[in-house]
Amino acid sequence: MRRVFWMLFGIGMGAAVGVGVMRWTRRTAEQLTPASVSQRAFGFARDWRERLADALDEGRAAMAEREAELRAQLVEPGDEAR
């Protein structure tokens, strides 16, 4: 009885591992198709471009704020009328 149990257990585990490997290879093959790779590359480029644009906007805003601070420090009390 023990031998039958372990034999069936081994067959079941082998089948489970085989199904898992087949699913993994199918998913991996789908991820490596040219369409999938190009789609991920374009997505990465789009995200990078958006991040760069956001960083540039923040930098410009910080520069304008700092410039306003420096100009405010340089203004003397009688200069506003000019």
Protein backbone atom coordinates (compact mmCIF):
# COMPACT_ATOMS: atom_id res chain seq x y z
CA MET A 1 0.00 0.00 0.00
CA ARG A 2 2.85 2.37 0.79
CA ARG A 3 4.43 1.84 -2.58
CA VAL A 4 1.17 2.58 -4.36
CA PHE A 5 0.71 5.76 -2.29
CA TRP A 6 4.21 7.05 -3.00
CA MET A 7 3.98 6.07 -6.65
CA LEU A 8 0.72 8.01 -7.04
CA PHE A 9 2.16 10.88 -5.01
CA GLY A 10 5.21 11.02 -7.31
CA ILE A 11 3.05 10.92 -10.44
CA GLY A 12 0.86 13.72 -9.03
CA MET A 13 3.84 15.87 -8.11
CA GLY A 14 5.41 15.26 -11.51
CA ALA A 15 2.20 16.28 -13.24
CA ALA A 16 1.87 19.40 -11.05
CA VAL A 17 5.46 20.44 -11.73
CA GLY A 18 5.02 19.72 -15.44
CA VAL A 19 1.89 21.89 -15.64
CA GLY A 20 3.65 24.67 -13.71
CA VAL A 21 6.64 24.57 -16.03
CA MET A 22 4.42 24.62 -19.11
CA ARG A 23 2.52 27.67 -17.81
CA TRP A 24 5.77 29.45 -16.94
CA THR A 25 7.27 28.80 -20.38
CA ARG A 26 4.09 29.96 -22.13
CA ARG A 27 4.02 33.22 -20.13
CA THR A 28 7.72 33.79 -20.73
CA ALA A 29 7.37 33.14 -24.47
CA GLU A 30 4.47 35.63 -24.64
CA GLN A 31 6.55 38.25 -22.82
CA LEU A 32 9.40 37.84 -25.29
CA THR A 33 7.41 38.29 -28.50
CA PRO A 34 8.53 41.30 -30.56
CA ALA A 35 5.17 43.06 -30.06
CA SER A 36 5.34 42.64 -26.29
CA VAL A 37 8.96 43.78 -26.10
CA SER A 38 8.30 46.86 -28.23
CA GLN A 39 5.19 47.70 -26.20
CA ARG A 40 7.18 47.55 -22.96
CA ALA A 41 10.00 49.62 -24.51
CA PHE A 42 7.57 52.31 -25.66
CA GLY A 43 5.92 52.31 -22.24
CA PHE A 44 9.31 52.73 -20.57
CA ALA A 45 10.22 55.59 -22.93
CA ARG A 46 6.87 57.30 -22.33
CA ASP A 47 7.29 57.05 -18.54
CA TRP A 48 10.85 58.36 -18.75
CA ARG A 49 9.76 61.29 -20.92
CA GLU A 50 6.96 62.19 -18.49
CA ARG A 51 9.33 62.04 -15.52
CA LEU A 52 11.86 64.21 -17.33
CA ALA A 53 9.19 66.78 -18.26
CA ASP A 54 7.99 66.88 -14.63
CA ALA A 55 11.55 67.36 -13.38
CA LEU A 56 12.15 70.17 -15.86
CA ASP A 57 8.91 71.88 -14.83
CA GLU A 58 9.86 71.65 -11.17
CA GLY A 59 13.32 72.99 -11.93
CA ARG A 60 11.92 75.95 -13.86
CA ALA A 61 9.47 76.74 -11.06
CA ALA A 62 12.27 76.58 -8.48
CA MET A 63 14.46 78.84 -10.64
CA ALA A 64 11.68 81.40 -11.02
CA GLU A 65 11.00 81.33 -7.28
CA ARG A 66 14.68 81.77 -6.44
CA GLU A 67 15.03 84.57 -8.99
CA ALA A 68 12.08 86.37 -7.41
CA GLU A 69 13.68 85.98 -3.97
CA LEU A 70 16.99 87.38 -5.21
CA ARG A 71 15.31 90.29 -6.99
CA ALA A 72 13.35 91.07 -3.82
CA GLN A 73 16.61 91.17 -1.85
CA LEU A 74 18.21 93.54 -4.36
CA VAL A 75 15.33 96.03 -4.44
CA GLU A 76 16.06 99.10 -2.37
CA PRO A 77 13.24 101.05 -0.70
CA GLY A 78 13.10 103.85 -3.30
CA ASP A 79 13.50 101.66 -6.41
CA GLU A 80 9.89 100.47 -6.75
CA ALA A 81 8.76 103.78 -8.30
CA ARG A 82 11.05 103.42 -11.33
